[in-house]
């Protein structure tokens, strides 16, 4: 079943409402603000207008501080429906003026659903005050909006929200401020999205009633607003009620009455603004999808940097644990003290056979020395792992600090990512102790056979276990020729000790298994520290739930349906109007009735 435009827009609204864009990347703040404004516009205007395409026209009277918006609204309806003043901001609550027959539509929560309604004696701050008067024609409503440049940020936000929810902008400026940047920013926004706009330049000195409007008209034409009606109101005194003389605003009244009475023209205004709003939503959502891709890419980049750093750290630990590095320092010293490796190295080429019995005798009956070697092994491994992890954290921080998203993530996480956990030493110690137990279990399992049992009993399980640890430390260093110098002879002795018990083939197998077990335990520590870093930073980051590719596909479907559905709606309005015309009346004459392009008040 094909989807309607309203259903597609409702889905878009839900997607925009989930937008995060938390990383302060270029343009992300503007995209967040756009998404929030788009949700308001969909709720306040687009969806309600689609549901009731022939509902009364809503015109927002907007402009700068002191431009005379409230005075103009009061003067147009010839009664005080909104209160002007000299204390800024003046309009703290928007006032909507409509014909009594239209009051039910504007008082409902379908339009501007985010604003509460009030219809009592006066406006209530942050609510929409609805006033019904027969001085305004049926089919048209005016909103006196807050200042677009109000000192109150909430008022500025509300002004923008009301302008996005209107079918028509009646934009008010003054002869002294019509070239200001703030009003033009709004007017250019209207031009960009092709909204229906009319401009009123107020308080024009009588002597400038030609030159000032002409200059403003030229500016409007150059900025794409050449077809927008322009009205000039002379600088005149108000009457006792604070109303402008009716003759000074009669052209505006005539034009508004024309819009209200001409259903076809009113439909054109609505369709133009609605189409412009939808096109703007489509374009904005496309840009948002790209911003989501950028945000996700930034997060993936930070994760990749950390993963790569920790992967290299794990590989480095594995390499140093098997390249003979650990056979230097205290480990080598303790082992040589235990087995007399120095004498062995001096005699290795001529007396290796005769020394085997001496090695066996030397290795038995010295549990304290064996324990010293185990402690030295554990200490060396602890230093290797802890130093590597601390270095990894430093490198991750350096990589993240070089990335705008990474700098934000570090500040946002509120943790010192270079600080390892307080219990890291204990974690590493337990892992190494468990590995040493793994090695002893390997020795016991392999020594259970008849051929090895007696020799293992004579040598001692712990001694054989220490020997296997040392052989594992030189697993990739090589044990012959020039490599003997690299390993310091330490692993050679340990290997010869194990050969006395198990034989050469078995030693290679045990060495592989012990090395793999060590890599696994130390690698698990590195992986856990990487995951700890992620859990403190990246994994706590609010994820982007929007599927950017899916959003772009959705926009394409929405664009196609929009073009078909709006054209159908407009044809339907014209057909209904044509059907209601008396016989002999010409629809084209009704549509093409003259309306002011540049109207000057007298």
Protein backbone atom coordinates (compact mmCIF):
# COMPACT_ATOMS: atom_id res chain seq x y z
CA UNK A 1 0.00 0.00 0.00
CA UNK A 2 1.46 3.38 -1.01
CA UNK A 3 2.08 5.90 1.75
CA UNK A 4 0.47 9.32 1.94
CA UNK A 5 2.47 12.50 2.23
CA UNK A 6 1.21 12.97 5.79
CA UNK A 7 2.42 9.53 6.87
CA UNK A 8 5.82 10.08 5.28
CA UNK A 9 6.12 13.45 7.02
CA UNK A 10 5.13 11.91 10.35
CA UNK A 11 7.97 9.40 9.95
CA UNK A 12 10.37 12.20 9.04
CA UNK A 13 9.25 14.12 12.12
CA UNK A 14 10.05 11.14 14.37
CA UNK A 15 13.48 10.75 12.75
CA UNK A 16 14.31 14.44 13.20
CA UNK A 17 13.17 14.29 16.81
CA UNK A 18 15.83 11.63 17.46
CA UNK A 19 18.66 13.74 16.07
CA UNK A 20 21.69 14.05 18.36
CA UNK A 21 24.68 15.45 16.41
CA UNK A 22 26.49 15.84 19.72
CA UNK A 23 29.99 16.25 18.33
CA UNK A 24 30.78 19.97 17.79
CA UNK A 25 31.82 19.44 14.19
CA UNK A 26 31.47 22.26 11.65
CA UNK A 27 27.78 22.92 11.05
CA UNK A 28 26.50 20.43 13.64
CA UNK A 29 25.03 23.09 15.94
CA UNK A 30 23.15 24.68 13.05
CA UNK A 31 21.88 21.26 11.99
CA UNK A 32 20.62 20.52 15.51
CA UNK A 33 18.80 23.86 15.59
CA UNK A 34 17.34 23.18 12.16
CA UNK A 35 16.09 19.74 13.19
CA UNK A 36 14.39 21.19 16.28
CA UNK A 37 12.79 23.96 14.21
CA UNK A 38 11.71 21.43 11.58
CA UNK A 39 9.95 19.31 14.20
CA UNK A 40 8.08 22.41 15.42
CA UNK A 41 7.12 23.37 11.87
CA UNK A 42 5.84 19.89 11.10
CA UNK A 43 3.79 19.88 14.32
CA UNK A 44 2.63 23.49 14.16
CA UNK A 45 1.98 23.97 10.47
CA UNK A 46 2.77 21.36 7.83
CA UNK A 47 0.84 18.38 9.19
CA UNK A 48 -2.21 20.42 10.34
CA UNK A 49 -2.31 22.32 7.04
CA UNK A 50 -2.17 19.09 5.01
CA UNK A 51 -5.04 17.75 7.08
CA UNK A 52 -7.12 20.88 6.45
CA UNK A 53 -5.82 22.38 3.22
CA UNK A 54 -8.81 24.75 2.88
CA UNK A 55 -8.69 26.02 6.47
CA UNK A 56 -8.49 29.82 6.99
CA UNK A 57 -5.32 31.60 5.94
CA UNK A 58 -2.94 32.47 8.78
CA UNK A 59 -0.79 35.59 8.39
CA UNK A 60 1.90 36.36 10.95
CA UNK A 61 2.67 40.02 11.56
CA UNK A 62 6.36 40.00 12.39
CA UNK A 63 9.30 42.34 12.47
CA UNK A 64 11.87 44.15 14.55
CA UNK A 65 11.47 45.74 17.96
CA UNK A 66 9.43 48.92 17.80
CA UNK A 67 8.43 48.47 14.16
CA UNK A 68 4.78 49.01 15.04
CA UNK A 69 3.40 45.48 14.66
CA UNK A 70 0.81 45.72 17.43
CA UNK A 71 -0.31 49.18 16.32
CA UNK A 72 -0.78 47.91 12.76
CA UNK A 73 -2.81 44.88 13.88
CA UNK A 74 -5.05 47.03 16.07
CA UNK A 75 -5.48 49.55 13.27
CA UNK A 76 -6.36 46.88 10.69
CA UNK A 77 -9.20 45.51 12.84
CA UNK A 78 -10.08 48.96 14.27
CA UNK A 79 -9.97 47.88 17.90
CA UNK A 80 -7.40 47.28 20.64
CA UNK A 81 -6.84 43.54 20.45
CA UNK A 82 -3.14 43.62 21.33
CA UNK A 83 -1.23 46.05 23.52
CA UNK A 84 1.69 48.08 22.13
CA UNK A 85 4.09 49.70 24.58
CA UNK A 86 7.42 51.35 25.10
CA UNK A 87 8.89 48.76 27.49
CA UNK A 88 10.70 46.02 25.57
CA UNK A 89 9.90 43.32 24.83
CA UNK A 90 6.32 44.40 24.32
CA UNK A 91 4.68 41.25 22.92
CA UNK A 92 5.25 38.62 25.60
CA UNK A 93 2.34 36.48 24.36
CA UNK A 94 1.26 36.27 20.71
CA UNK A 95 -2.26 37.41 19.91
CA UNK A 96 -4.22 35.72 17.14
CA UNK A 97 -7.13 37.70 15.69
CA UNK A 98 -9.73 35.97 13.54
CA UNK A 99 -13.37 36.08 12.49
CA UNK A 100 -15.77 34.37 14.95
CA UNK A 101 -16.59 31.74 12.31
CA UNK A 102 -12.92 30.72 12.23
CA UNK A 103 -12.33 30.73 15.99
CA UNK A 104 -12.88 26.99 16.45
CA UNK A 105 -10.07 26.16 14.01
CA UNK A 106 -7.52 28.47 15.60
CA UNK A 107 -8.54 27.64 19.16
CA UNK A 108 -7.99 23.93 18.58
CA UNK A 109 -4.73 22.22 19.40
CA UNK A 110 -4.20 21.03 15.81
CA UNK A 111 -2.46 24.25 14.83
CA UNK A 112 0.51 25.45 16.92
CA UNK A 113 -0.06 22.51 19.23
CA UNK A 114 2.89 23.47 21.38
CA UNK A 115 1.18 26.66 22.60
CA UNK A 116 -1.57 26.73 25.19
CA UNK A 117 -4.65 28.79 24.31
CA UNK A 118 -6.17 31.67 26.20
CA UNK A 119 -9.32 33.55 25.23
CA UNK A 120 -10.13 35.44 28.42
CA UNK A 121 -9.66 39.13 29.16
CA UNK A 122 -6.03 39.31 28.15
CA UNK A 123 -2.95 37.42 26.96
CA UNK A 124 -1.21 34.91 29.20
CA UNK A 125 2.60 34.83 28.81
CA UNK A 126 3.89 31.93 26.67
CA UNK A 127 0.39 31.14 25.39
CA UNK A 128 -1.59 31.99 22.25
CA UNK A 129 -4.34 34.51 22.98
CA UNK A 130 -7.21 34.07 20.50
CA UNK A 131 -9.43 37.10 19.85
CA UNK A 132 -12.51 36.88 17.62
CA UNK A 133 -13.77 39.99 15.85
CA UNK A 134 -16.07 40.60 12.90
CA UNK A 135 -13.74 43.42 11.82
CA UNK A 136 -11.55 40.76 10.20
CA UNK A 137 -12.99 38.87 7.22
CA UNK A 138 -13.84 35.20 7.35
CA UNK A 139 -11.01 33.03 5.99
CA UNK A 140 -8.12 35.10 7.35
CA UNK A 141 -6.36 35.41 10.73
CA UNK A 142 -3.54 37.65 11.94
CA UNK A 143 -0.95 36.86 14.62
CA UNK A 144 0.86 39.68 16.39
CA UNK A 145 4.19 37.92 16.97
CA UNK A 146 7.05 38.78 19.36
CA UNK A 147 10.00 40.79 18.06
CA UNK A 148 12.45 38.86 15.91
CA UNK A 149 15.30 40.76 17.62
CA UNK A 150 13.83 40.69 21.12
CA UNK A 151 16.21 40.90 24.08
CA UNK A 152 14.34 37.86 25.40
CA UNK A 153 15.69 34.71 23.72
CA UNK A 154 12.42 32.86 24.36
CA UNK A 155 10.57 35.61 22.51
CA UNK A 156 12.96 35.35 19.56
CA UNK A 157 12.47 31.60 19.46
CA UNK A 158 8.69 32.00 19.62
CA UNK A 159 8.75 34.57 16.82
CA UNK A 160 10.61 32.13 14.59
CA UNK A 161 8.23 29.33 15.50
CA UNK A 162 5.19 31.46 14.60
CA UNK A 163 6.70 32.54 11.30
CA UNK A 164 7.35 28.91 10.39
CA UNK A 165 3.70 28.09 11.21
CA UNK A 166 2.10 30.79 9.04
CA UNK A 167 0.81 30.70 5.48
CA UNK A 168 1.81 34.32 4.92
CA UNK A 169 4.34 36.72 6.41
CA UNK A 170 3.24 40.32 6.82
CA UNK A 171 6.70 41.62 7.61
CA UNK A 172 6.88 45.05 9.29
CA UNK A 173 9.92 47.31 9.24
CA UNK A 174 10.42 51.03 9.59
CA UNK A 175 11.86 53.79 7.45
CA UNK A 176 14.89 54.00 9.75
CA UNK A 177 15.58 50.25 10.05
CA UNK A 178 14.54 48.60 6.79
CA UNK A 179 18.14 47.85 5.84
CA UNK A 180 19.08 46.25 9.19
CA UNK A 181 20.73 42.84 9.07
CA UNK A 182 18.33 40.99 11.38
CA UNK A 183 15.13 41.66 9.39
CA UNK A 184 16.91 40.82 6.16
CA UNK A 185 18.14 37.52 7.56
CA UNK A 186 14.51 36.51 8.06
CA UNK A 187 13.41 37.88 4.70
CA UNK A 188 16.18 36.01 2.93
CA UNK A 189 15.09 32.86 4.73
CA UNK A 190 11.59 33.40 3.39
CA UNK A 191 12.98 33.95 -0.10
CA UNK A 192 15.11 30.80 0.13
CA UNK A 193 12.14 28.60 0.92
CA UNK A 194 9.76 30.53 -1.37
CA UNK A 195 7.31 31.49 1.39
CA UNK A 196 4.50 33.95 0.69
CA UNK A 197 5.61 37.35 1.97
CA UNK A 198 4.30 40.92 2.01
CA UNK A 199 6.38 43.78 3.42
CA UNK A 200 5.10 46.87 5.22
CA UNK A 201 7.48 49.79 5.70
CA UNK A 202 6.10 51.87 8.55
CA UNK A 203 6.61 55.43 9.78
CA UNK A 204 7.84 56.76 6.47
CA UNK A 205 8.30 60.56 6.52
CA UNK A 206 5.84 62.10 4.04
CA UNK A 207 8.68 63.60 2.04
CA UNK A 208 10.22 60.11 1.62
CA UNK A 209 7.07 58.22 0.62
CA UNK A 210 8.49 57.73 -2.87
CA UNK A 211 12.23 57.39 -2.39
CA UNK A 212 12.28 55.03 0.61
CA UNK A 213 9.76 52.49 -0.78
CA UNK A 214 11.55 52.55 -4.13
CA UNK A 215 14.88 51.83 -2.48
CA UNK A 216 13.41 49.00 -0.42
CA UNK A 217 11.68 47.60 -3.53
CA UNK A 218 15.00 47.55 -5.35
CA UNK A 219 16.61 45.71 -2.43
CA UNK A 220 13.80 43.17 -2.38
CA UNK A 221 14.09 42.55 -6.11
CA UNK A 222 17.84 41.97 -5.87
CA UNK A 223 17.29 39.40 -3.10
CA UNK A 224 14.63 37.33 -4.86
CA UNK A 225 11.58 39.02 -3.32
CA UNK A 226 10.60 40.96 -6.39
CA UNK A 227 7.06 39.57 -6.49
CA UNK A 228 6.31 40.28 -2.81
CA UNK A 229 3.76 43.07 -2.22
CA UNK A 230 5.21 46.17 -0.59
CA UNK A 231 3.13 48.67 1.38
CA UNK A 232 4.25 52.02 2.75
CA UNK A 233 2.60 53.59 5.80
CA UNK A 234 3.34 57.28 6.37
CA UNK A 235 4.46 58.67 9.70
CA UNK A 236 1.19 59.96 11.17
CA UNK A 237 -0.32 60.48 14.59
CA UNK A 238 -2.56 57.83 16.07
CA UNK A 239 -6.04 58.66 17.37
CA UNK A 240 -7.20 58.55 20.98
CA UNK A 241 -7.38 54.75 20.85
CA UNK A 242 -3.85 54.48 19.49
CA UNK A 243 -5.06 53.52 15.99
CA UNK A 244 -3.60 54.71 12.71
CA UNK A 245 -5.93 56.66 10.39
CA UNK A 246 -7.74 54.13 8.26
CA UNK A 247 -6.74 55.94 5.07
CA UNK A 248 -3.06 55.27 5.83
CA UNK A 249 -3.56 51.50 5.99
CA UNK A 250 -6.48 51.05 3.58
CA UNK A 251 -4.34 49.46 0.83
CA UNK A 252 -3.26 46.74 3.30
CA UNK A 253 -6.86 46.16 4.41
CA UNK A 254 -8.01 45.91 0.81
CA UNK A 255 -5.30 43.41 -0.06
CA UNK A 256 -6.04 41.22 2.98
CA UNK A 257 -9.77 41.33 2.25
CA UNK A 258 -9.01 40.29 -1.31
CA UNK A 259 -7.01 37.28 -0.09
CA UNK A 260 -9.74 36.30 2.32
CA UNK A 261 -12.50 36.53 -0.27
CA UNK A 262 -10.71 34.89 -3.20
CA UNK A 263 -10.48 31.18 -2.52
CA UNK A 264 -8.25 30.47 -5.50
CA UNK A 265 -5.73 33.16 -4.61
CA UNK A 266 -5.82 32.04 -0.99
CA UNK A 267 -5.11 28.49 -2.13
CA UNK A 268 -2.17 29.70 -4.22
CA UNK A 269 -0.71 31.46 -1.17
CA UNK A 270 -1.13 28.34 0.96
CA UNK A 271 0.28 26.02 -1.69
CA UNK A 272 3.27 28.24 -2.34
CA UNK A 273 4.20 28.44 1.34
CA UNK A 274 3.45 24.78 2.01
CA UNK A 275 5.46 23.66 -1.00
CA UNK A 276 8.33 25.91 0.00
CA UNK A 277 8.26 24.51 3.53
CA UNK A 278 8.27 20.92 2.24
CA UNK A 279 11.11 21.55 -0.19
CA UNK A 280 13.05 23.20 2.61
CA UNK A 281 12.38 20.16 4.82
CA UNK A 282 13.57 17.83 2.08
CA UNK A 283 16.75 19.83 1.48
CA UNK A 284 17.42 20.26 5.16
CA UNK A 285 16.86 16.57 5.89
CA UNK A 286 19.30 15.68 3.11
CA UNK A 287 21.94 17.89 4.73
CA UNK A 288 21.08 16.38 8.10
CA UNK A 289 21.66 12.90 6.73
CA UNK A 290 25.14 13.98 5.64
CA UNK A 291 25.78 15.44 9.09
CA UNK A 292 24.73 12.13 10.66
CA UNK A 293 27.19 10.33 8.39
CA UNK A 294 29.90 12.78 9.46
CA UNK A 295 29.06 12.29 13.14
CA UNK A 296 29.09 8.50 12.85
CA UNK A 297 32.33 8.64 10.88
CA UNK A 298 33.92 10.78 13.60
CA UNK A 299 32.90 8.29 16.28
CA UNK A 300 34.08 5.37 14.15
CA UNK A 301 37.37 7.17 13.53
CA UNK A 302 37.98 7.65 17.25
CA UNK A 303 37.09 4.04 17.93
CA UNK A 304 39.38 2.87 15.13
CA UNK A 305 42.28 4.97 16.44
CA UNK A 306 41.93 3.40 19.87
CA UNK A 307 41.42 -0.11 18.53
CA UNK A 308 44.48 0.17 16.31
CA UNK A 309 46.59 1.48 19.18
CA UNK A 310 45.55 -1.34 21.51
CA UNK A 311 45.95 -3.95 18.76
CA UNK A 312 49.51 -2.75 18.23
CA UNK A 313 50.05 -2.78 21.98
CA UNK A 314 48.86 -6.36 22.20
CA UNK A 315 51.11 -7.37 19.32
CA UNK A 316 54.06 -5.58 20.94
CA UNK A 317 53.53 -7.36 24.25
CA UNK A 318 53.30 -10.72 22.48
CA UNK A 319 56.49 -9.99 20.55
CA UNK A 320 58.46 -8.87 23.61
CA UNK A 321 57.19 -11.83 25.62
CA UNK A 322 58.73 -14.23 23.09
CA UNK A 323 61.77 -12.49 21.59
CA UNK A 324 64.15 -12.96 24.48
CA UNK A 325 63.60 -9.49 25.94
CA UNK A 326 62.41 -10.93 29.26
CA UNK A 327 65.49 -13.15 29.57
CA UNK A 328 67.60 -10.14 30.51
CA UNK A 329 67.92 -8.39 33.81
CA UNK A 330 66.77 -10.05 37.01
CA UNK A 331 65.28 -13.13 35.33
CA UNK A 332 68.59 -14.03 33.69
CA UNK A 333 70.52 -13.26 36.87
CA UNK A 334 68.32 -15.46 39.07
CA UNK A 335 68.41 -18.33 36.60
CA UNK A 336 72.17 -18.21 36.12
CA UNK A 337 72.69 -18.14 39.87
CA UNK A 338 70.51 -21.20 40.09
CA UNK A 339 72.01 -23.41 37.37
CA UNK A 340 75.47 -21.94 36.87
CA UNK A 341 74.67 -20.93 33.34
CA UNK A 342 77.87 -19.01 33.03
CA UNK A 343 79.95 -22.17 33.41
CA UNK A 344 77.55 -23.94 31.08
CA UNK A 345 78.05 -21.33 28.35
CA UNK A 346 81.81 -21.66 28.64
CA UNK A 347 81.57 -25.41 28.18
CA UNK A 348 78.58 -25.68 25.83
CA UNK A 349 80.58 -26.69 22.74
CA UNK A 350 82.77 -29.41 24.34
CA UNK A 351 81.10 -30.69 27.47
CA UNK A 352 77.35 -30.42 27.03
CA UNK A 353 76.83 -34.16 27.47
CA UNK A 354 78.73 -34.35 30.77
CA UNK A 355 77.01 -31.27 32.20
CA UNK A 356 73.51 -32.67 31.92
CA UNK A 357 73.94 -34.66 35.10
CA UNK A 358 75.40 -31.63 36.88
CA UNK A 359 72.45 -29.49 35.72
CA UNK A 360 70.03 -32.03 37.06
CA UNK A 361 71.80 -32.10 40.40
CA UNK A 362 71.92 -28.30 40.54
CA UNK A 363 68.21 -27.93 39.88
CA UNK A 364 66.98 -30.18 42.66
CA UNK A 365 66.57 -29.27 46.28
CA UNK A 366 66.42 -25.43 45.90
CA UNK A 367 62.74 -24.37 46.24
CA UNK A 368 63.59 -20.87 47.46
CA UNK A 369 65.69 -20.14 44.42
CA UNK A 370 62.97 -21.48 42.14
CA UNK A 371 60.52 -19.15 43.87
CA UNK A 372 62.88 -16.22 43.28
CA UNK A 373 62.89 -17.00 39.56
CA UNK A 374 59.08 -17.15 39.47
CA UNK A 375 58.90 -13.78 41.22
CA UNK A 376 61.42 -12.29 38.79
CA UNK A 377 59.40 -13.66 35.84
CA UNK A 378 56.20 -12.19 37.26
CA UNK A 379 57.83 -8.83 37.93
CA UNK A 380 59.26 -8.58 34.41
CA UNK A 381 55.92 -9.46 32.81
CA UNK A 382 54.06 -6.98 35.03
CA UNK A 383 56.40 -4.15 34.01
CA UNK A 384 56.09 -5.10 30.34
CA UNK A 385 52.26 -5.10 30.39
CA UNK A 386 51.67 -2.06 32.61
CA UNK A 387 54.18 0.09 30.71
CA UNK A 388 52.64 -0.96 27.40
CA UNK A 389 49.09 -0.15 28.53
CA UNK A 390 50.08 3.23 29.95
CA UNK A 391 51.87 4.01 26.70
CA UNK A 392 48.79 2.94 24.72
CA UNK A 393 46.55 5.27 26.72
CA UNK A 394 48.95 8.15 26.10
CA UNK A 395 48.93 7.45 22.36
CA UNK A 396 45.14 7.25 22.26
CA UNK A 397 44.88 10.59 24.03
CA UNK A 398 47.36 12.15 21.59
CA UNK A 399 45.37 10.81 18.61
CA UNK A 400 42.05 12.03 20.04
CA UNK A 401 43.41 15.45 20.93
CA UNK A 402 44.45 15.90 17.31
CA UNK A 403 40.81 15.41 16.26
CA UNK A 404 38.05 18.00 17.02
CA UNK A 405 35.64 15.18 17.84
CA UNK A 406 38.24 13.53 20.03
CA UNK A 407 38.89 16.72 21.99
CA UNK A 408 35.19 17.05 22.65
CA UNK A 409 34.93 13.39 23.66
CA UNK A 410 37.77 13.75 26.18
CA UNK A 411 36.15 16.83 27.73
CA UNK A 412 32.67 15.30 27.62
CA UNK A 413 33.71 12.04 29.30
CA UNK A 414 35.11 13.88 32.33
CA UNK A 415 37.75 11.17 32.93
CA UNK A 416 41.52 11.16 32.56
CA UNK A 417 41.84 8.58 29.84
CA UNK A 418 45.61 8.34 30.37
CA UNK A 419 45.14 7.10 33.93
CA UNK A 420 45.01 3.28 34.11
CA UNK A 421 42.65 1.78 36.71
CA UNK A 422 43.94 1.67 40.26
CA UNK A 423 43.71 -2.13 40.30
CA UNK A 424 45.64 -2.66 37.03
CA UNK A 425 48.72 -4.00 38.86
CA UNK A 426 46.54 -6.49 40.69
CA UNK A 427 44.81 -7.52 37.45
CA UNK A 428 48.14 -8.13 35.73
CA UNK A 429 49.57 -9.97 38.73
CA UNK A 430 46.60 -12.35 38.87
CA UNK A 431 46.80 -13.01 35.15
CA UNK A 432 50.51 -13.85 35.32
CA UNK A 433 50.02 -16.00 38.39
CA UNK A 434 47.26 -17.86 36.56
CA UNK A 435 49.56 -18.35 33.58
CA UNK A 436 52.28 -19.75 35.81
CA UNK A 437 49.70 -22.19 37.14
CA UNK A 438 48.82 -23.06 33.53
CA UNK A 439 52.47 -23.88 32.87
CA UNK A 440 52.71 -26.12 35.94
CA UNK A 441 49.53 -27.90 34.83
CA UNK A 442 51.07 -28.44 31.38
CA UNK A 443 54.20 -29.94 32.92
CA UNK A 444 52.15 -32.22 35.17
CA UNK A 445 49.94 -33.36 32.32
CA UNK A 446 52.85 -34.07 29.96
CA UNK A 447 54.93 -35.71 32.71
CA UNK A 448 52.26 -38.23 33.60
CA UNK A 449 53.68 -40.78 31.13
CA UNK A 450 55.94 -43.59 32.35
CA UNK A 451 59.02 -42.36 30.50
CA UNK A 452 58.81 -38.83 31.91
CA UNK A 453 57.42 -39.45 35.37
CA UNK A 454 60.66 -40.53 37.08
CA UNK A 455 62.77 -37.80 35.53
CA UNK A 456 60.18 -35.15 36.41
CA UNK A 457 60.02 -36.43 39.95
CA UNK A 458 63.78 -36.18 40.21
CA UNK A 459 63.92 -32.68 38.79
CA UNK A 460 60.81 -31.21 40.36
CA UNK A 461 57.61 -29.93 38.76
CA UNK A 462 58.27 -26.28 39.70
CA UNK A 463 61.77 -26.35 38.27
CA UNK A 464 60.50 -27.80 35.01
CA UNK A 465 57.74 -25.20 35.00
CA UNK A 466 60.22 -22.34 35.40
CA UNK A 467 62.34 -23.81 32.62
CA UNK A 468 59.33 -23.94 30.30
CA UNK A 469 58.51 -20.30 31.08
CA UNK A 470 61.99 -19.23 30.09
CA UNK A 471 61.94 -21.28 26.89
CA UNK A 472 58.60 -19.64 26.00
CA UNK A 473 60.21 -16.21 26.47
CA UNK A 474 62.67 -16.96 23.66
CA UNK A 475 60.18 -18.75 21.43
CA UNK A 476 60.76 -16.46 18.44
CA UNK A 477 64.37 -15.47 19.18
CA UNK A 478 66.09 -18.63 18.00
CA UNK A 479 68.44 -20.74 20.08
CA UNK A 480 71.45 -21.37 17.87
CA UNK A 481 74.39 -19.59 16.32
CA UNK A 482 74.28 -15.79 16.60
CA UNK A 483 70.90 -15.94 18.37
CA UNK A 484 72.56 -17.47 21.43
CA UNK A 485 73.91 -14.05 22.26
CA UNK A 486 70.45 -12.50 22.00
CA UNK A 487 68.91 -14.90 24.50
CA UNK A 488 71.96 -14.71 26.70
CA UNK A 489 72.19 -18.49 26.84
CA UNK A 490 69.41 -18.54 29.42
CA UNK A 491 66.79 -20.25 27.25
CA UNK A 492 69.39 -22.74 25.96
CA UNK A 493 69.95 -24.03 29.44
CA UNK A 494 66.22 -24.18 30.19
CA UNK A 495 65.58 -26.05 26.96
CA UNK A 496 68.31 -28.62 27.71
CA UNK A 497 66.79 -29.14 31.15
CA UNK A 498 63.39 -29.91 29.64
CA UNK A 499 64.93 -32.17 27.00
CA UNK A 500 66.20 -34.38 29.83
CA UNK A 501 62.56 -35.07 30.71
CA UNK A 502 60.42 -34.80 27.60
CA UNK A 503 62.53 -34.82 24.47
CA UNK A 504 62.89 -32.24 21.71
CA UNK A 505 59.52 -32.78 19.95
CA UNK A 506 57.51 -32.48 23.13
CA UNK A 507 59.37 -29.34 24.17
CA UNK A 508 58.37 -27.58 20.95
CA UNK A 509 54.73 -28.49 21.60
CA UNK A 510 54.85 -27.36 25.23
CA UNK A 511 56.56 -24.12 24.25
CA UNK A 512 53.87 -23.34 21.68
CA UNK A 513 51.07 -24.04 24.12
CA UNK A 514 52.66 -22.06 26.96
CA UNK A 515 53.33 -19.13 24.63
CA UNK A 516 49.76 -19.15 23.33
CA UNK A 517 48.37 -19.26 26.85
CA UNK A 518 50.55 -16.32 27.88
CA UNK A 519 49.49 -14.34 24.82
CA UNK A 520 45.86 -15.04 25.56
CA UNK A 521 46.01 -13.95 29.19
CA UNK A 522 48.03 -10.80 28.51
CA UNK A 523 45.98 -10.05 25.41
CA UNK A 524 42.79 -10.30 27.46
CA UNK A 525 44.15 -7.64 29.79
CA UNK A 526 44.87 -5.31 26.88
CA UNK A 527 41.42 -5.94 25.39
CA UNK A 528 39.77 -5.32 28.76
CA UNK A 529 41.60 -2.00 29.12
CA UNK A 530 40.53 -0.98 25.64
CA UNK A 531 36.95 -1.87 26.51
CA UNK A 532 37.23 0.03 29.79
CA UNK A 533 38.32 3.10 27.85
CA UNK A 534 35.39 2.69 25.46
CA UNK A 535 32.91 2.22 28.31
CA UNK A 536 34.10 5.48 29.89
CA UNK A 537 34.00 7.45 26.65
CA UNK A 538 32.67 6.23 23.32
CA UNK A 539 30.11 3.72 24.63
CA UNK A 540 28.58 6.37 26.90
CA UNK A 541 28.17 8.71 23.99
CA UNK A 542 24.56 9.15 22.82
CA UNK A 543 24.37 7.16 19.58
CA UNK A 544 22.91 8.48 16.36
CA UNK A 545 19.81 6.39 15.80
CA UNK A 546 19.08 7.82 12.35
CA UNK A 547 19.92 5.64 9.36
CA UNK A 548 21.36 8.23 6.99
CA UNK A 549 20.92 6.08 3.88
CA UNK A 550 17.39 5.21 4.91
CA UNK A 551 16.64 8.88 5.53
CA UNK A 552 17.81 9.84 2.05
CA UNK A 553 15.68 7.11 0.49
CA UNK A 554 12.74 8.34 2.55
CA UNK A 555 13.26 11.90 1.31
CA UNK A 556 13.21 10.72 -2.30
CA UNK A 557 9.91 8.93 -1.74
CA UNK A 558 8.53 11.97 0.05
CA UNK A 559 9.54 14.31 -2.78
CA UNK A 560 7.76 12.17 -5.36
CA UNK A 561 4.59 11.84 -3.28
CA UNK A 562 4.63 15.55 -2.44
CA UNK A 563 4.68 16.59 -6.07
CA UNK A 564 1.75 14.31 -6.89
CA UNK A 565 -0.35 14.95 -3.81
CA UNK A 566 -0.07 18.75 -3.67
CA UNK A 567 -0.90 19.02 -7.37
CA UNK A 568 -3.95 16.86 -6.74
CA UNK A 569 -5.03 18.96 -3.76
CA UNK A 570 -4.75 22.21 -5.73
CA UNK A 571 -6.70 20.76 -8.66
CA UNK A 572 -9.38 19.68 -6.21
CA UNK A 573 -9.71 23.19 -4.77
CA UNK A 574 -10.00 24.75 -8.22
CA UNK A 575 -12.58 22.16 -9.27
CA UNK A 576 -14.71 22.82 -6.20
CA UNK A 577 -14.55 26.57 -6.75
CA UNK A 578 -15.39 26.15 -10.41
CA UNK A 579 -18.33 23.93 -9.54
CA UNK A 580 -19.66 26.54 -7.10
CA UNK A 581 -19.51 29.44 -9.59
CA UNK A 582 -22.78 30.67 -11.07
CA UNK A 583 -23.35 29.74 -14.69
CA UNK A 584 -21.59 32.21 -16.98
CA UNK A 585 -18.87 33.29 -14.51
CA UNK A 586 -15.29 32.84 -15.70
CA UNK A 587 -12.92 31.02 -13.34
CA UNK A 588 -9.89 32.67 -14.97
CA UNK A 589 -11.30 36.09 -14.21
CA UNK A 590 -11.71 35.02 -10.58
CA UNK A 591 -8.14 33.74 -10.40
CA UNK A 592 -6.60 36.70 -12.19
CA UNK A 593 -8.40 39.46 -10.29
CA UNK A 594 -6.03 42.40 -9.83
CA UNK A 595 -4.09 42.67 -6.59
CA UNK A 596 -1.52 45.23 -5.50
CA UNK A 597 2.15 44.67 -6.32
CA UNK A 598 3.50 47.95 -4.91
CA UNK A 599 0.81 49.78 -2.96
CA UNK A 600 1.43 53.11 -1.33
CA UNK A 601 -0.83 54.52 1.37
CA UNK A 602 -1.99 58.09 0.90
